[in-house]
Amino acid sequence: MMHPKWIVLDLVLAATLGTVALHAQEPPPKEAFKAVHLVTLTAAQESKLLTAFADMNAVFAQAAHPEIRYQLYKVTGKQVGNHNYMWESSWPSGAVYDELHKSPAFQAATKKHPEIEELMKNEVYNRYVEVTTVKR
């Protein structure tokens, strides 16, 4: 039988580490990169996410970056793994990523769609930079 103080410690650690993992994000790379989110969505969540993307993509276009867009893809054919959707975006640099994500217009767009944070709870998120040369 587990001692009550260890149960409490386990719960505190789980809550703390879970919160840190959810909200702590490394700074973006300096060079161009792709951001990829793998998520599991229902049809209703898909619709909500596309509505949010329209608002956020409008912010990017108004900030003179129409080439930056959140795009949503759904698994086709036999699914492998748990995530049935992928959303991705391509960024010319980490500086542009930071600039746009910190802008009041982007902050307002994300506050308009608080359901996005819920959709991201069980996501797999990675950033990818292009491999251009062979390292020896």
N, C-alpha and C. Protein backbone atom coordinates (compact mmCIF):
# COMPACT_ATOMS: atom_id res chain seq x y z
N MET A 1 0.85 -1.18 0.00
CA MET A 1 0.00 0.00 0.00
C MET A 1 0.88 1.24 0.00
N MET A 2 0.53 2.19 -0.81
CA MET A 2 1.31 3.41 -0.94
C MET A 2 0.95 4.40 0.17
N HIS A 3 1.96 5.01 0.73
CA HIS A 3 1.76 6.00 1.80
C HIS A 3 1.10 7.25 1.21
N PRO A 4 0.15 7.86 1.95
CA PRO A 4 -0.56 9.04 1.42
C PRO A 4 0.36 10.19 0.97
N LYS A 5 1.47 10.39 1.69
CA LYS A 5 2.34 11.52 1.29
C LYS A 5 2.98 11.25 -0.08
N TRP A 6 3.25 9.97 -0.42
CA TRP A 6 3.81 9.64 -1.73
C TRP A 6 2.77 9.82 -2.83
N ILE A 7 1.53 9.52 -2.50
CA ILE A 7 0.45 9.72 -3.48
C ILE A 7 0.32 11.21 -3.79
N VAL A 8 0.34 12.03 -2.75
CA VAL A 8 0.25 13.48 -2.94
C VAL A 8 1.44 13.98 -3.76
N LEU A 9 2.65 13.51 -3.43
CA LEU A 9 3.84 13.91 -4.18
C LEU A 9 3.72 13.51 -5.64
N ASP A 10 3.26 12.28 -5.90
CA ASP A 10 3.07 11.83 -7.28
C ASP A 10 2.07 12.73 -8.02
N LEU A 11 0.99 13.08 -7.37
CA LEU A 11 -0.01 13.95 -8.01
C LEU A 11 0.55 15.33 -8.30
N VAL A 12 1.30 15.89 -7.35
CA VAL A 12 1.89 17.21 -7.55
C VAL A 12 2.90 17.18 -8.70
N LEU A 13 3.74 16.16 -8.72
CA LEU A 13 4.72 16.04 -9.81
C LEU A 13 4.04 15.88 -11.16
N ALA A 14 3.02 15.04 -11.21
CA ALA A 14 2.31 14.83 -12.48
C ALA A 14 1.67 16.12 -12.95
N ALA A 15 1.04 16.85 -12.04
CA ALA A 15 0.41 18.11 -12.42
C ALA A 15 1.44 19.13 -12.87
N THR A 16 2.54 19.21 -12.15
CA THR A 16 3.58 20.19 -12.48
C THR A 16 4.24 19.85 -13.80
N LEU A 17 4.67 18.61 -13.96
CA LEU A 17 5.34 18.21 -15.19
C LEU A 17 4.40 18.28 -16.38
N GLY A 18 3.15 17.92 -16.19
CA GLY A 18 2.19 18.01 -17.27
C GLY A 18 1.98 19.44 -17.71
N THR A 19 1.91 20.35 -16.77
CA THR A 19 1.74 21.77 -17.09
C THR A 19 2.96 22.30 -17.79
N VAL A 20 4.14 21.95 -17.33
CA VAL A 20 5.37 22.42 -17.95
C VAL A 20 5.46 21.90 -19.38
N ALA A 21 5.17 20.63 -19.58
CA ALA A 21 5.26 20.05 -20.92
C ALA A 21 4.25 20.68 -21.86
N LEU A 22 3.07 21.02 -21.33
CA LEU A 22 2.03 21.58 -22.17
C LEU A 22 2.34 23.01 -22.58
N HIS A 23 2.91 23.79 -21.68
CA HIS A 23 3.06 25.22 -21.93
C HIS A 23 4.50 25.65 -22.22
N ALA A 24 5.47 24.84 -21.87
CA ALA A 24 6.85 25.22 -22.13
C ALA A 24 7.21 24.82 -23.55
N GLN A 25 7.65 25.79 -24.30
CA GLN A 25 8.02 25.51 -25.67
C GLN A 25 9.38 26.14 -25.92
N GLU A 26 10.22 25.38 -26.56
CA GLU A 26 11.54 25.91 -26.89
C GLU A 26 11.39 27.07 -27.88
N PRO A 27 12.36 27.96 -27.89
CA PRO A 27 12.32 29.03 -28.90
C PRO A 27 12.38 28.40 -30.29
N PRO A 28 11.76 29.07 -31.26
CA PRO A 28 11.80 28.50 -32.61
C PRO A 28 13.21 28.57 -33.19
N PRO A 29 13.50 27.73 -34.19
CA PRO A 29 14.81 27.80 -34.84
C PRO A 29 14.99 29.16 -35.52
N LYS A 30 16.23 29.56 -35.69
CA LYS A 30 16.51 30.84 -36.36
C LYS A 30 16.18 30.77 -37.85
N GLU A 31 16.45 29.62 -38.47
CA GLU A 31 16.24 29.46 -39.90
C GLU A 31 14.78 29.10 -40.21
N ALA A 32 14.50 28.95 -41.50
CA ALA A 32 13.17 28.55 -41.95
C ALA A 32 12.84 27.17 -41.38
N PHE A 33 11.55 26.93 -41.06
CA PHE A 33 11.16 25.64 -40.50
C PHE A 33 9.67 25.39 -40.74
N LYS A 34 9.31 24.14 -40.55
CA LYS A 34 7.91 23.72 -40.57
C LYS A 34 7.51 23.34 -39.15
N ALA A 35 6.31 23.72 -38.77
CA ALA A 35 5.74 23.30 -37.49
C ALA A 35 4.64 22.28 -37.82
N VAL A 36 4.68 21.14 -37.14
CA VAL A 36 3.73 20.06 -37.42
C VAL A 36 3.08 19.61 -36.12
N HIS A 37 1.75 19.62 -36.13
CA HIS A 37 0.95 19.15 -35.00
C HIS A 37 0.22 17.89 -35.45
N LEU A 38 0.37 16.80 -34.73
CA LEU A 38 -0.43 15.60 -34.97
C LEU A 38 -1.48 15.55 -33.87
N VAL A 39 -2.76 15.50 -34.27
CA VAL A 39 -3.86 15.57 -33.30
C VAL A 39 -4.94 14.57 -33.65
N THR A 40 -5.80 14.32 -32.69
CA THR A 40 -6.97 13.47 -32.89
C THR A 40 -8.19 14.37 -32.76
N LEU A 41 -8.99 14.42 -33.81
CA LEU A 41 -10.14 15.32 -33.84
C LEU A 41 -11.41 14.58 -34.22
N THR A 42 -12.53 15.13 -33.78
CA THR A 42 -13.84 14.71 -34.26
C THR A 42 -14.22 15.64 -35.41
N ALA A 43 -15.31 15.33 -36.09
CA ALA A 43 -15.77 16.19 -37.19
C ALA A 43 -16.12 17.59 -36.67
N ALA A 44 -16.74 17.67 -35.49
CA ALA A 44 -17.08 18.98 -34.91
C ALA A 44 -15.82 19.78 -34.57
N GLN A 45 -14.82 19.10 -34.04
CA GLN A 45 -13.56 19.78 -33.72
C GLN A 45 -12.85 20.24 -34.99
N GLU A 46 -12.93 19.44 -36.05
CA GLU A 46 -12.35 19.82 -37.34
C GLU A 46 -12.93 21.15 -37.80
N SER A 47 -14.23 21.27 -37.73
CA SER A 47 -14.91 22.49 -38.16
C SER A 47 -14.47 23.69 -37.32
N LYS A 48 -14.37 23.51 -36.02
CA LYS A 48 -13.94 24.60 -35.13
C LYS A 48 -12.50 25.01 -35.43
N LEU A 49 -11.65 24.03 -35.69
CA LEU A 49 -10.25 24.33 -35.97
C LEU A 49 -10.10 25.09 -37.29
N LEU A 50 -10.87 24.68 -38.30
CA LEU A 50 -10.82 25.38 -39.58
C LEU A 50 -11.30 26.83 -39.45
N THR A 51 -12.29 27.05 -38.61
CA THR A 51 -12.76 28.41 -38.35
C THR A 51 -11.67 29.24 -37.68
N ALA A 52 -10.98 28.64 -36.71
CA ALA A 52 -9.88 29.33 -36.04
C ALA A 52 -8.75 29.62 -37.02
N PHE A 53 -8.43 28.65 -37.87
CA PHE A 53 -7.37 28.84 -38.86
C PHE A 53 -7.69 30.02 -39.78
N ALA A 54 -8.94 30.17 -40.17
CA ALA A 54 -9.32 31.28 -41.05
C ALA A 54 -9.00 32.61 -40.38
N ASP A 55 -9.28 32.72 -39.09
CA ASP A 55 -8.98 33.95 -38.36
C ASP A 55 -7.47 34.17 -38.22
N MET A 56 -6.74 33.12 -37.89
CA MET A 56 -5.29 33.26 -37.72
C MET A 56 -4.59 33.50 -39.05
N ASN A 57 -5.02 32.83 -40.10
CA ASN A 57 -4.43 33.04 -41.42
C ASN A 57 -4.69 34.46 -41.91
N ALA A 58 -5.84 35.03 -41.55
CA ALA A 58 -6.14 36.42 -41.90
C ALA A 58 -5.16 37.36 -41.21
N VAL A 59 -4.80 37.05 -39.97
CA VAL A 59 -3.80 37.85 -39.25
C VAL A 59 -2.48 37.82 -39.99
N PHE A 60 -2.06 36.64 -40.43
CA PHE A 60 -0.79 36.52 -41.15
C PHE A 60 -0.82 37.34 -42.44
N ALA A 61 -1.91 37.24 -43.17
CA ALA A 61 -2.04 37.98 -44.44
C ALA A 61 -2.01 39.49 -44.18
N GLN A 62 -2.71 39.93 -43.16
CA GLN A 62 -2.74 41.36 -42.84
C GLN A 62 -1.38 41.87 -42.37
N ALA A 63 -0.55 40.97 -41.87
CA ALA A 63 0.79 41.34 -41.42
C ALA A 63 1.81 41.18 -42.55
N ALA A 64 1.33 41.14 -43.79
CA ALA A 64 2.18 41.05 -44.98
C ALA A 64 2.90 39.71 -45.09
N HIS A 65 2.28 38.64 -44.58
CA HIS A 65 2.83 37.28 -44.70
C HIS A 65 1.76 36.31 -45.19
N PRO A 66 1.18 36.55 -46.38
CA PRO A 66 0.13 35.64 -46.86
C PRO A 66 0.64 34.24 -47.18
N GLU A 67 1.95 34.09 -47.30
CA GLU A 67 2.52 32.76 -47.59
C GLU A 67 2.49 31.85 -46.36
N ILE A 68 2.30 32.43 -45.19
CA ILE A 68 2.22 31.63 -43.96
C ILE A 68 0.76 31.30 -43.71
N ARG A 69 0.47 30.00 -43.63
CA ARG A 69 -0.90 29.55 -43.42
C ARG A 69 -0.89 28.29 -42.58
N TYR A 70 -1.85 28.21 -41.67
CA TYR A 70 -2.11 26.94 -41.00
C TYR A 70 -2.96 26.13 -41.97
N GLN A 71 -2.56 24.90 -42.19
CA GLN A 71 -3.29 24.00 -43.08
C GLN A 71 -3.58 22.71 -42.33
N LEU A 72 -4.76 22.15 -42.58
CA LEU A 72 -5.19 20.93 -41.89
C LEU A 72 -5.29 19.78 -42.89
N TYR A 73 -4.76 18.63 -42.49
CA TYR A 73 -4.79 17.42 -43.31
C TYR A 73 -5.39 16.29 -42.49
N LYS A 74 -6.14 15.41 -43.15
CA LYS A 74 -6.76 14.26 -42.49
C LYS A 74 -6.17 12.98 -43.07
N VAL A 75 -6.02 11.97 -42.24
CA VAL A 75 -5.52 10.67 -42.69
C VAL A 75 -6.44 10.13 -43.77
N THR A 76 -5.84 9.56 -44.78
CA THR A 76 -6.59 8.88 -45.81
C THR A 76 -6.06 7.45 -45.89
N GLY A 77 -6.91 6.52 -46.24
CA GLY A 77 -6.50 5.12 -46.26
C GLY A 77 -6.39 4.59 -44.84
N LYS A 78 -5.62 3.53 -44.68
CA LYS A 78 -5.46 2.89 -43.37
C LYS A 78 -4.65 3.80 -42.44
N GLN A 79 -5.21 4.08 -41.29
CA GLN A 79 -4.54 4.93 -40.31
C GLN A 79 -3.58 4.10 -39.47
N VAL A 80 -2.38 4.63 -39.25
CA VAL A 80 -1.39 4.03 -38.36
C VAL A 80 -1.20 5.01 -37.21
N GLY A 81 -1.31 4.55 -35.99
CA GLY A 81 -1.17 5.44 -34.84
C GLY A 81 -2.51 6.03 -34.44
N ASN A 82 -2.48 6.90 -33.43
CA ASN A 82 -3.70 7.43 -32.84
C ASN A 82 -4.19 8.74 -33.46
N HIS A 83 -3.31 9.47 -34.10
CA HIS A 83 -3.67 10.81 -34.57
C HIS A 83 -4.21 10.77 -36.00
N ASN A 84 -5.42 11.31 -36.17
CA ASN A 84 -6.06 11.25 -37.48
C ASN A 84 -5.96 12.56 -38.27
N TYR A 85 -5.35 13.58 -37.68
CA TYR A 85 -5.18 14.85 -38.38
C TYR A 85 -3.76 15.38 -38.16
N MET A 86 -3.33 16.17 -39.12
CA MET A 86 -2.06 16.88 -39.01
C MET A 86 -2.32 18.32 -39.42
N TRP A 87 -1.83 19.25 -38.61
CA TRP A 87 -1.85 20.62 -39.11
C TRP A 87 -0.43 21.11 -39.15
N GLU A 88 -0.15 21.85 -40.22
CA GLU A 88 1.22 22.30 -40.42
C GLU A 88 1.25 23.74 -40.86
N SER A 89 2.41 24.32 -40.68
CA SER A 89 2.66 25.68 -41.15
C SER A 89 4.15 25.79 -41.46
N SER A 90 4.47 26.65 -42.41
CA SER A 90 5.86 26.88 -42.81
C SER A 90 6.23 28.31 -42.46
N TRP A 91 7.39 28.47 -41.84
CA TRP A 91 7.83 29.77 -41.33
C TRP A 91 9.16 30.15 -41.96
N PRO A 92 9.31 31.40 -42.43
CA PRO A 92 10.57 31.81 -43.06
C PRO A 92 11.70 31.96 -42.05
N SER A 93 11.35 32.16 -40.77
CA SER A 93 12.37 32.28 -39.72
C SER A 93 11.70 32.25 -38.35
N GLY A 94 12.50 31.98 -37.35
CA GLY A 94 12.00 32.03 -35.98
C GLY A 94 11.59 33.44 -35.58
N ALA A 95 12.28 34.44 -36.11
CA ALA A 95 11.96 35.83 -35.79
C ALA A 95 10.54 36.18 -36.27
N VAL A 96 10.19 35.73 -37.48
CA VAL A 96 8.85 36.00 -38.00
C VAL A 96 7.81 35.24 -37.18
N TYR A 97 8.11 34.00 -36.83
CA TYR A 97 7.22 33.19 -35.98
C TYR A 97 6.94 33.93 -34.68
N ASP A 98 7.99 34.37 -34.01
CA ASP A 98 7.82 35.09 -32.73
C ASP A 98 7.04 36.38 -32.92
N GLU A 99 7.41 37.14 -33.95
CA GLU A 99 6.75 38.43 -34.21
C GLU A 99 5.25 38.24 -34.38
N LEU A 100 4.85 37.27 -35.20
CA LEU A 100 3.44 37.07 -35.46
C LEU A 100 2.70 36.47 -34.27
N HIS A 101 3.32 35.52 -33.57
CA HIS A 101 2.65 34.91 -32.43
C HIS A 101 2.51 35.87 -31.24
N LYS A 102 3.38 36.84 -31.16
CA LYS A 102 3.31 37.81 -30.07
C LYS A 102 2.48 39.04 -30.43
N SER A 103 2.04 39.14 -31.66
CA SER A 103 1.29 40.32 -32.10
C SER A 103 -0.08 40.37 -31.41
N PRO A 104 -0.56 41.57 -31.11
CA PRO A 104 -1.89 41.71 -30.50
C PRO A 104 -2.99 41.09 -31.37
N ALA A 105 -2.87 41.19 -32.69
CA ALA A 105 -3.89 40.63 -33.58
C ALA A 105 -3.94 39.10 -33.46
N PHE A 106 -2.77 38.44 -33.40
CA PHE A 106 -2.75 36.99 -33.25
C PHE A 106 -3.26 36.58 -31.88
N GLN A 107 -2.86 37.31 -30.85
CA GLN A 107 -3.34 37.02 -29.50
C GLN A 107 -4.86 37.13 -29.44
N ALA A 108 -5.43 38.13 -30.09
CA ALA A 108 -6.88 38.29 -30.12
C ALA A 108 -7.54 37.13 -30.86
N ALA A 109 -6.94 36.70 -31.96
CA ALA A 109 -7.50 35.58 -32.73
C ALA A 109 -7.49 34.30 -31.92
N THR A 110 -6.42 34.05 -31.17
CA THR A 110 -6.38 32.81 -30.37
C THR A 110 -7.33 32.89 -29.18
N LYS A 111 -7.49 34.07 -28.59
CA LYS A 111 -8.44 34.21 -27.48
C LYS A 111 -9.88 34.02 -27.95
N LYS A 112 -10.12 34.31 -29.21
CA LYS A 112 -11.45 34.11 -29.79
C LYS A 112 -11.79 32.62 -29.93
N HIS A 113 -10.76 31.78 -29.92
CA HIS A 113 -10.94 30.33 -30.12
C HIS A 113 -10.25 29.54 -29.00
N PRO A 114 -10.73 29.64 -27.77
CA PRO A 114 -10.07 28.95 -26.64
C PRO A 114 -10.10 27.43 -26.76
N GLU A 115 -10.96 26.89 -27.60
CA GLU A 115 -11.05 25.44 -27.76
C GLU A 115 -9.79 24.83 -28.37
N ILE A 116 -8.98 25.65 -29.01
CA ILE A 116 -7.75 25.13 -29.62
C ILE A 116 -6.82 24.54 -28.57
N GLU A 117 -6.72 25.19 -27.43
CA GLU A 117 -5.83 24.67 -26.38
C GLU A 117 -6.24 23.27 -25.96
N GLU A 118 -7.53 23.02 -25.89
CA GLU A 118 -8.03 21.69 -25.54
C GLU A 118 -7.63 20.66 -26.60
N LEU A 119 -7.68 21.06 -27.87
CA LEU A 119 -7.33 20.15 -28.96
C LEU A 119 -5.85 19.80 -28.96
N MET A 120 -5.03 20.67 -28.35
CA MET A 120 -3.59 20.48 -28.36
C MET A 120 -3.08 19.66 -27.16
N LYS A 121 -3.95 19.29 -26.26
CA LYS A 121 -3.52 18.60 -25.03
C LYS A 121 -2.80 17.28 -25.30
N ASN A 122 -3.25 16.53 -26.26
CA ASN A 122 -2.65 15.23 -26.54
C ASN A 122 -1.94 15.18 -27.89
N GLU A 123 -1.51 16.33 -28.33
CA GLU A 123 -0.86 16.40 -29.64
C GLU A 123 0.58 15.93 -29.58
N VAL A 124 1.10 15.62 -30.75
CA VAL A 124 2.54 15.45 -30.95
C VAL A 124 2.95 16.66 -31.77
N TYR A 125 3.90 17.44 -31.26
CA TYR A 125 4.30 18.68 -31.90
C TYR A 125 5.80 18.67 -32.13
N ASN A 126 6.19 18.94 -33.37
CA ASN A 126 7.60 19.04 -33.70
C ASN A 126 7.81 20.17 -34.69
N ARG A 127 9.03 20.67 -34.68
CA ARG A 127 9.46 21.65 -35.68
C ARG A 127 10.56 21.00 -36.49
N TYR A 128 10.54 21.25 -37.79
CA TYR A 128 11.48 20.62 -38.69
C TYR A 128 12.22 21.67 -39.51
N VAL A 129 13.53 21.53 -39.60
CA VAL A 129 14.33 22.37 -40.48
C VAL A 129 14.81 21.50 -41.63
N GLU A 130 14.98 22.11 -42.78
CA GLU A 130 15.41 21.36 -43.96
C GLU A 130 16.83 20.89 -43.81
N VAL A 131 17.07 19.65 -44.24
CA VAL A 131 18.41 19.09 -44.28
C VAL A 131 18.95 19.36 -45.68
N THR A 132 20.01 20.16 -45.76
CA THR A 132 20.50 20.60 -47.07
C THR A 132 21.89 20.10 -47.43
N THR A 133 22.67 19.70 -46.44
CA THR A 133 24.02 19.24 -46.72
C THR A 133 24.32 17.97 -45.96
N VAL A 134 25.28 17.25 -46.46
CA VAL A 134 25.72 16.02 -45.80
C VAL A 134 26.78 16.41 -44.79
N LYS A 135 26.58 15.97 -43.54
CA LYS A 135 27.59 16.23 -42.52
C LYS A 135 28.57 15.08 -42.47
N ARG A 136 29.82 15.41 -42.40
CA ARG A 136 30.86 14.37 -42.37
C ARG A 136 31.62 14.41 -41.08
